[in-house]
N, C-alpha and C. Protein backbone atom coordinates (compact mmCIF):
# COMPACT_ATOMS: atom_id res chain seq x y z
N MET A 1 -12.63 -12.85 6.71
CA MET A 1 -11.38 -13.56 6.74
C MET A 1 -10.80 -13.70 5.33
N LEU A 2 -11.69 -13.90 4.36
CA LEU A 2 -11.25 -14.01 2.97
C LEU A 2 -10.62 -12.69 2.50
N THR A 3 -11.21 -11.57 2.89
CA THR A 3 -10.65 -10.27 2.52
C THR A 3 -9.26 -10.12 3.09
N PHE A 4 -9.07 -10.51 4.34
CA PHE A 4 -7.76 -10.44 4.99
C PHE A 4 -6.73 -11.26 4.21
N LEU A 5 -7.09 -12.47 3.85
CA LEU A 5 -6.17 -13.33 3.12
C LEU A 5 -5.83 -12.78 1.74
N LEU A 6 -6.84 -12.26 1.04
CA LEU A 6 -6.61 -11.71 -0.29
C LEU A 6 -5.70 -10.49 -0.24
N VAL A 7 -6.02 -9.56 0.66
CA VAL A 7 -5.26 -8.30 0.73
C VAL A 7 -3.85 -8.54 1.23
N THR A 8 -3.67 -9.46 2.14
CA THR A 8 -2.36 -9.66 2.73
C THR A 8 -1.46 -10.57 1.90
N PHE A 9 -1.99 -11.62 1.31
CA PHE A 9 -1.13 -12.60 0.67
C PHE A 9 -1.23 -12.66 -0.86
N LEU A 10 -2.31 -12.23 -1.45
CA LEU A 10 -2.47 -12.37 -2.89
C LEU A 10 -2.25 -11.08 -3.66
N VAL A 11 -2.79 -9.98 -3.19
CA VAL A 11 -2.72 -8.72 -3.93
C VAL A 11 -1.29 -8.19 -4.06
N PRO A 12 -0.46 -8.13 -3.00
CA PRO A 12 0.90 -7.60 -3.17
C PRO A 12 1.74 -8.33 -4.21
N PRO A 13 1.77 -9.68 -4.24
CA PRO A 13 2.54 -10.32 -5.31
C PRO A 13 1.98 -10.05 -6.71
N LEU A 14 0.66 -9.93 -6.82
CA LEU A 14 0.09 -9.61 -8.13
C LEU A 14 0.48 -8.22 -8.59
N ILE A 15 0.52 -7.27 -7.68
CA ILE A 15 0.93 -5.92 -8.04
C ILE A 15 2.41 -5.90 -8.42
N LEU A 16 3.23 -6.63 -7.69
CA LEU A 16 4.64 -6.72 -8.07
C LEU A 16 4.80 -7.36 -9.44
N ALA A 17 4.00 -8.37 -9.74
CA ALA A 17 4.07 -9.00 -11.06
C ALA A 17 3.67 -8.02 -12.16
N ALA A 18 2.62 -7.24 -11.91
CA ALA A 18 2.20 -6.24 -12.90
C ALA A 18 3.28 -5.17 -13.07
N ASP A 19 3.92 -4.79 -11.99
CA ASP A 19 5.01 -3.82 -12.06
C ASP A 19 6.18 -4.38 -12.84
N TYR A 20 6.48 -5.64 -12.65
CA TYR A 20 7.58 -6.29 -13.36
C TYR A 20 7.32 -6.32 -14.87
N VAL A 21 6.10 -6.57 -15.25
CA VAL A 21 5.76 -6.62 -16.67
C VAL A 21 5.98 -5.24 -17.31
N GLN A 22 5.69 -4.18 -16.57
CA GLN A 22 5.82 -2.83 -17.12
C GLN A 22 7.26 -2.32 -17.12
N LYS A 23 8.09 -2.76 -16.20
CA LYS A 23 9.46 -2.28 -16.09
C LYS A 23 10.41 -3.29 -16.72
N THR A 24 10.62 -3.14 -17.99
CA THR A 24 11.43 -4.12 -18.70
C THR A 24 12.92 -3.92 -18.46
N GLU A 25 13.33 -2.76 -17.92
CA GLU A 25 14.76 -2.53 -17.70
C GLU A 25 15.28 -3.18 -16.42
N LEU A 26 14.40 -3.66 -15.57
CA LEU A 26 14.82 -4.30 -14.32
C LEU A 26 14.62 -5.81 -14.40
N SER A 27 15.54 -6.53 -13.80
CA SER A 27 15.34 -7.98 -13.68
C SER A 27 14.39 -8.24 -12.51
N LEU A 28 13.87 -9.43 -12.43
CA LEU A 28 12.95 -9.77 -11.34
C LEU A 28 13.64 -9.61 -9.99
N LYS A 29 14.88 -10.01 -9.90
CA LYS A 29 15.64 -9.89 -8.64
C LYS A 29 15.78 -8.42 -8.23
N GLU A 30 16.09 -7.55 -9.19
CA GLU A 30 16.23 -6.12 -8.88
C GLU A 30 14.88 -5.51 -8.49
N LEU A 31 13.83 -5.94 -9.15
CA LEU A 31 12.50 -5.43 -8.83
C LEU A 31 12.10 -5.82 -7.42
N ILE A 32 12.35 -7.05 -7.03
CA ILE A 32 12.01 -7.49 -5.67
C ILE A 32 12.84 -6.73 -4.65
N GLN A 33 14.11 -6.47 -4.96
CA GLN A 33 14.96 -5.73 -4.03
C GLN A 33 14.48 -4.30 -3.84
N LYS A 34 13.85 -3.71 -4.85
CA LYS A 34 13.40 -2.33 -4.78
C LYS A 34 11.89 -2.20 -4.54
N ALA A 35 11.23 -3.27 -4.15
CA ALA A 35 9.77 -3.28 -4.01
C ALA A 35 9.28 -2.71 -2.69
N GLY A 36 10.15 -2.43 -1.74
CA GLY A 36 9.73 -1.97 -0.42
C GLY A 36 8.82 -0.75 -0.44
N PRO A 37 9.21 0.37 -1.08
CA PRO A 37 8.33 1.55 -1.09
C PRO A 37 6.99 1.28 -1.78
N ASP A 38 6.99 0.46 -2.83
CA ASP A 38 5.73 0.15 -3.50
C ASP A 38 4.80 -0.64 -2.58
N LEU A 39 5.35 -1.61 -1.87
CA LEU A 39 4.54 -2.39 -0.93
C LEU A 39 4.03 -1.51 0.21
N ARG A 40 4.86 -0.58 0.64
CA ARG A 40 4.46 0.32 1.71
C ARG A 40 3.32 1.22 1.24
N SER A 41 3.41 1.73 0.01
CA SER A 41 2.33 2.55 -0.54
C SER A 41 1.05 1.74 -0.68
N LEU A 42 1.19 0.51 -1.10
CA LEU A 42 0.04 -0.38 -1.21
C LEU A 42 -0.62 -0.59 0.15
N SER A 43 0.19 -0.77 1.18
CA SER A 43 -0.37 -0.99 2.52
C SER A 43 -1.06 0.26 3.04
N LEU A 44 -0.51 1.44 2.74
CA LEU A 44 -1.17 2.67 3.17
C LEU A 44 -2.51 2.82 2.47
N GLY A 45 -2.55 2.49 1.19
CA GLY A 45 -3.82 2.54 0.46
C GLY A 45 -4.83 1.54 0.99
N ALA A 46 -4.35 0.37 1.40
CA ALA A 46 -5.26 -0.64 1.93
C ALA A 46 -5.73 -0.29 3.34
N SER A 47 -4.96 0.52 4.06
CA SER A 47 -5.35 0.86 5.43
C SER A 47 -6.55 1.80 5.46
N VAL A 48 -6.70 2.64 4.45
CA VAL A 48 -7.81 3.60 4.43
C VAL A 48 -9.15 2.88 4.43
N PRO A 49 -9.41 1.94 3.50
CA PRO A 49 -10.71 1.25 3.56
C PRO A 49 -10.89 0.44 4.85
N ALA A 50 -9.79 -0.10 5.37
CA ALA A 50 -9.91 -0.87 6.61
C ALA A 50 -10.33 0.03 7.76
N PHE A 51 -9.76 1.22 7.85
CA PHE A 51 -10.12 2.13 8.93
C PHE A 51 -11.50 2.75 8.74
N LEU A 52 -11.97 2.87 7.51
CA LEU A 52 -13.28 3.47 7.25
C LEU A 52 -14.42 2.46 7.35
N ASP A 53 -14.12 1.19 7.37
CA ASP A 53 -15.14 0.16 7.45
C ASP A 53 -15.89 0.28 8.78
N PRO A 54 -17.21 0.38 8.74
CA PRO A 54 -17.98 0.52 9.98
C PRO A 54 -17.78 -0.64 10.95
N HIS A 55 -17.61 -1.84 10.43
CA HIS A 55 -17.41 -2.99 11.31
C HIS A 55 -16.10 -2.86 12.08
N VAL A 56 -15.04 -2.44 11.41
CA VAL A 56 -13.74 -2.26 12.06
C VAL A 56 -13.84 -1.15 13.10
N ARG A 57 -14.52 -0.06 12.76
CA ARG A 57 -14.69 1.05 13.72
C ARG A 57 -15.46 0.59 14.96
N THR A 58 -16.47 -0.25 14.76
CA THR A 58 -17.24 -0.76 15.90
C THR A 58 -16.38 -1.65 16.78
N VAL A 59 -15.60 -2.52 16.18
CA VAL A 59 -14.77 -3.45 16.95
C VAL A 59 -13.69 -2.69 17.72
N LEU A 60 -13.07 -1.69 17.07
CA LEU A 60 -12.01 -0.93 17.74
C LEU A 60 -12.57 0.00 18.82
N GLY A 61 -13.80 0.41 18.67
CA GLY A 61 -14.46 1.23 19.68
C GLY A 61 -13.76 2.55 19.94
N GLY A 62 -13.60 2.88 21.22
CA GLY A 62 -12.98 4.14 21.63
C GLY A 62 -11.52 4.24 21.27
N GLU A 63 -10.86 3.09 21.13
CA GLU A 63 -9.43 3.10 20.77
C GLU A 63 -9.22 3.25 19.28
N GLY A 64 -10.28 3.29 18.49
CA GLY A 64 -10.17 3.35 17.04
C GLY A 64 -9.30 4.48 16.52
N PRO A 65 -9.55 5.75 16.94
CA PRO A 65 -8.70 6.84 16.44
C PRO A 65 -7.23 6.68 16.82
N ALA A 66 -6.96 6.18 18.00
CA ALA A 66 -5.56 5.99 18.42
C ALA A 66 -4.90 4.89 17.59
N VAL A 67 -5.63 3.81 17.32
CA VAL A 67 -5.09 2.73 16.50
C VAL A 67 -4.84 3.23 15.08
N GLU A 68 -5.77 4.03 14.55
CA GLU A 68 -5.59 4.60 13.21
C GLU A 68 -4.35 5.47 13.16
N LEU A 69 -4.19 6.35 14.12
CA LEU A 69 -3.05 7.26 14.14
C LEU A 69 -1.74 6.49 14.27
N ILE A 70 -1.69 5.55 15.19
CA ILE A 70 -0.47 4.77 15.38
C ILE A 70 -0.17 3.93 14.13
N GLY A 71 -1.20 3.32 13.55
CA GLY A 71 -1.01 2.52 12.35
C GLY A 71 -0.47 3.35 11.19
N ILE A 72 -1.02 4.52 10.97
CA ILE A 72 -0.55 5.37 9.88
C ILE A 72 0.85 5.89 10.16
N LEU A 73 1.15 6.24 11.40
CA LEU A 73 2.51 6.67 11.74
C LEU A 73 3.53 5.56 11.51
N VAL A 74 3.18 4.35 11.89
CA VAL A 74 4.08 3.20 11.66
C VAL A 74 4.32 3.01 10.17
N LEU A 75 3.27 3.15 9.37
CA LEU A 75 3.43 3.00 7.92
C LEU A 75 4.33 4.09 7.34
N PHE A 76 4.22 5.32 7.84
CA PHE A 76 5.11 6.38 7.36
C PHE A 76 6.55 6.17 7.82
N ILE A 77 6.73 5.64 9.00
CA ILE A 77 8.10 5.31 9.46
C ILE A 77 8.68 4.22 8.57
N PHE A 78 7.87 3.21 8.25
CA PHE A 78 8.32 2.16 7.34
C PHE A 78 8.65 2.74 5.96
N ARG A 79 7.88 3.73 5.51
CA ARG A 79 8.15 4.36 4.23
C ARG A 79 9.54 4.99 4.21
N GLY A 80 9.84 5.75 5.25
CA GLY A 80 11.16 6.36 5.35
C GLY A 80 12.27 5.33 5.36
N ALA A 81 12.05 4.24 6.08
CA ALA A 81 13.05 3.18 6.14
C ALA A 81 13.24 2.54 4.77
N CYS A 82 12.15 2.29 4.06
CA CYS A 82 12.26 1.68 2.72
C CYS A 82 13.04 2.58 1.77
N ILE A 83 12.73 3.85 1.78
CA ILE A 83 13.41 4.77 0.87
C ILE A 83 14.88 4.88 1.22
N ARG A 84 15.21 4.99 2.50
CA ARG A 84 16.62 5.06 2.91
C ARG A 84 17.38 3.79 2.53
N LEU A 85 16.76 2.65 2.73
CA LEU A 85 17.42 1.39 2.40
C LEU A 85 17.63 1.25 0.89
N ASN A 86 16.70 1.76 0.09
CA ASN A 86 16.85 1.67 -1.36
C ASN A 86 17.88 2.65 -1.89
N ARG A 87 18.12 3.75 -1.21
CA ARG A 87 19.09 4.75 -1.66
C ARG A 87 20.52 4.34 -1.36
N GLN A 88 20.71 3.54 -0.33
CA GLN A 88 22.06 3.18 0.08
C GLN A 88 22.52 1.93 -0.67
N HIS A 89 23.84 1.86 -0.84
CA HIS A 89 24.42 0.65 -1.43
C HIS A 89 24.70 -0.30 -0.27
N LEU A 90 23.88 -1.33 -0.16
CA LEU A 90 23.96 -2.26 0.96
C LEU A 90 24.76 -3.50 0.57
N PRO A 91 25.35 -4.15 1.56
CA PRO A 91 25.99 -5.44 1.27
C PRO A 91 24.95 -6.43 0.73
N THR A 92 25.43 -7.42 0.04
CA THR A 92 24.54 -8.39 -0.61
C THR A 92 23.57 -9.04 0.36
N ARG A 93 24.01 -9.31 1.56
CA ARG A 93 23.11 -10.00 2.51
C ARG A 93 21.96 -9.11 2.98
N TYR A 94 22.07 -7.79 2.78
CA TYR A 94 21.00 -6.86 3.16
C TYR A 94 20.24 -6.31 1.95
N ALA A 95 20.41 -6.92 0.80
CA ALA A 95 19.82 -6.40 -0.44
C ALA A 95 18.29 -6.38 -0.39
N TYR A 96 17.69 -7.26 0.37
CA TYR A 96 16.24 -7.34 0.43
C TYR A 96 15.67 -6.66 1.68
N ALA A 97 16.45 -5.85 2.37
CA ALA A 97 16.00 -5.22 3.62
C ALA A 97 14.80 -4.30 3.38
N GLY A 98 14.83 -3.50 2.31
CA GLY A 98 13.71 -2.62 2.01
C GLY A 98 12.44 -3.39 1.71
N THR A 99 12.59 -4.50 1.02
CA THR A 99 11.43 -5.33 0.71
C THR A 99 10.84 -5.94 1.98
N VAL A 100 11.69 -6.34 2.90
CA VAL A 100 11.21 -6.90 4.17
C VAL A 100 10.40 -5.85 4.93
N VAL A 101 10.89 -4.61 4.94
CA VAL A 101 10.14 -3.54 5.60
C VAL A 101 8.81 -3.30 4.88
N GLY A 102 8.81 -3.36 3.56
CA GLY A 102 7.56 -3.22 2.81
C GLY A 102 6.57 -4.33 3.11
N ILE A 103 7.06 -5.55 3.21
CA ILE A 103 6.20 -6.68 3.57
C ILE A 103 5.68 -6.51 4.99
N ALA A 104 6.52 -6.01 5.88
CA ALA A 104 6.07 -5.76 7.26
C ALA A 104 4.94 -4.76 7.30
N SER A 105 4.99 -3.74 6.44
CA SER A 105 3.91 -2.75 6.43
C SER A 105 2.60 -3.37 5.93
N VAL A 106 2.70 -4.29 4.97
CA VAL A 106 1.50 -5.00 4.52
C VAL A 106 0.93 -5.83 5.67
N PHE A 107 1.79 -6.46 6.45
CA PHE A 107 1.32 -7.25 7.59
C PHE A 107 0.73 -6.39 8.69
N VAL A 108 1.22 -5.16 8.87
CA VAL A 108 0.62 -4.25 9.86
C VAL A 108 -0.84 -4.01 9.50
N VAL A 109 -1.11 -3.72 8.24
CA VAL A 109 -2.49 -3.51 7.80
C VAL A 109 -3.27 -4.82 7.91
N GLY A 110 -2.63 -5.93 7.60
CA GLY A 110 -3.29 -7.23 7.73
C GLY A 110 -3.72 -7.52 9.17
N VAL A 111 -2.87 -7.17 10.12
CA VAL A 111 -3.22 -7.36 11.54
C VAL A 111 -4.39 -6.48 11.94
N ILE A 112 -4.38 -5.22 11.48
CA ILE A 112 -5.50 -4.33 11.78
C ILE A 112 -6.78 -4.89 11.20
N MET A 113 -6.71 -5.39 9.96
CA MET A 113 -7.91 -5.98 9.36
C MET A 113 -8.33 -7.24 10.10
N LEU A 114 -7.37 -8.05 10.50
CA LEU A 114 -7.69 -9.27 11.23
C LEU A 114 -8.38 -8.95 12.56
N LEU A 115 -7.87 -7.95 13.27
CA LEU A 115 -8.50 -7.54 14.52
C LEU A 115 -9.90 -6.99 14.29
N GLY A 116 -10.08 -6.28 13.19
CA GLY A 116 -11.37 -5.67 12.92
C GLY A 116 -12.42 -6.60 12.38
N TYR A 117 -11.99 -7.63 11.67
CA TYR A 117 -12.97 -8.52 11.02
C TYR A 117 -13.23 -9.81 11.75
N VAL A 118 -12.36 -10.16 12.68
CA VAL A 118 -12.54 -11.45 13.38
C VAL A 118 -13.17 -11.23 14.73
């Protein structure tokens, strides 16, 4: 449960903070608006250890490969959405849409981990 909490709620903001420190040409607001693809990449990287964990494989049982395939496909769909949203000039009220999709991809991996570890 601690791993789930760390990976889902603590690691993504820390990575965004590290990214912000390195990118001095962007303000914090601009960085958060463009963080969707980075969060999505982070979630894809976090999904690999979750799917390879023997405990998660045991819990998922026969449905494990299907859950892995669907989970990875969802993450790639979210990736496309994040990139498209970041390329377009959106109205101000939709400025954080890509970030929301990135956060959703982190939660997809979090749910898979929660199902596998609990």
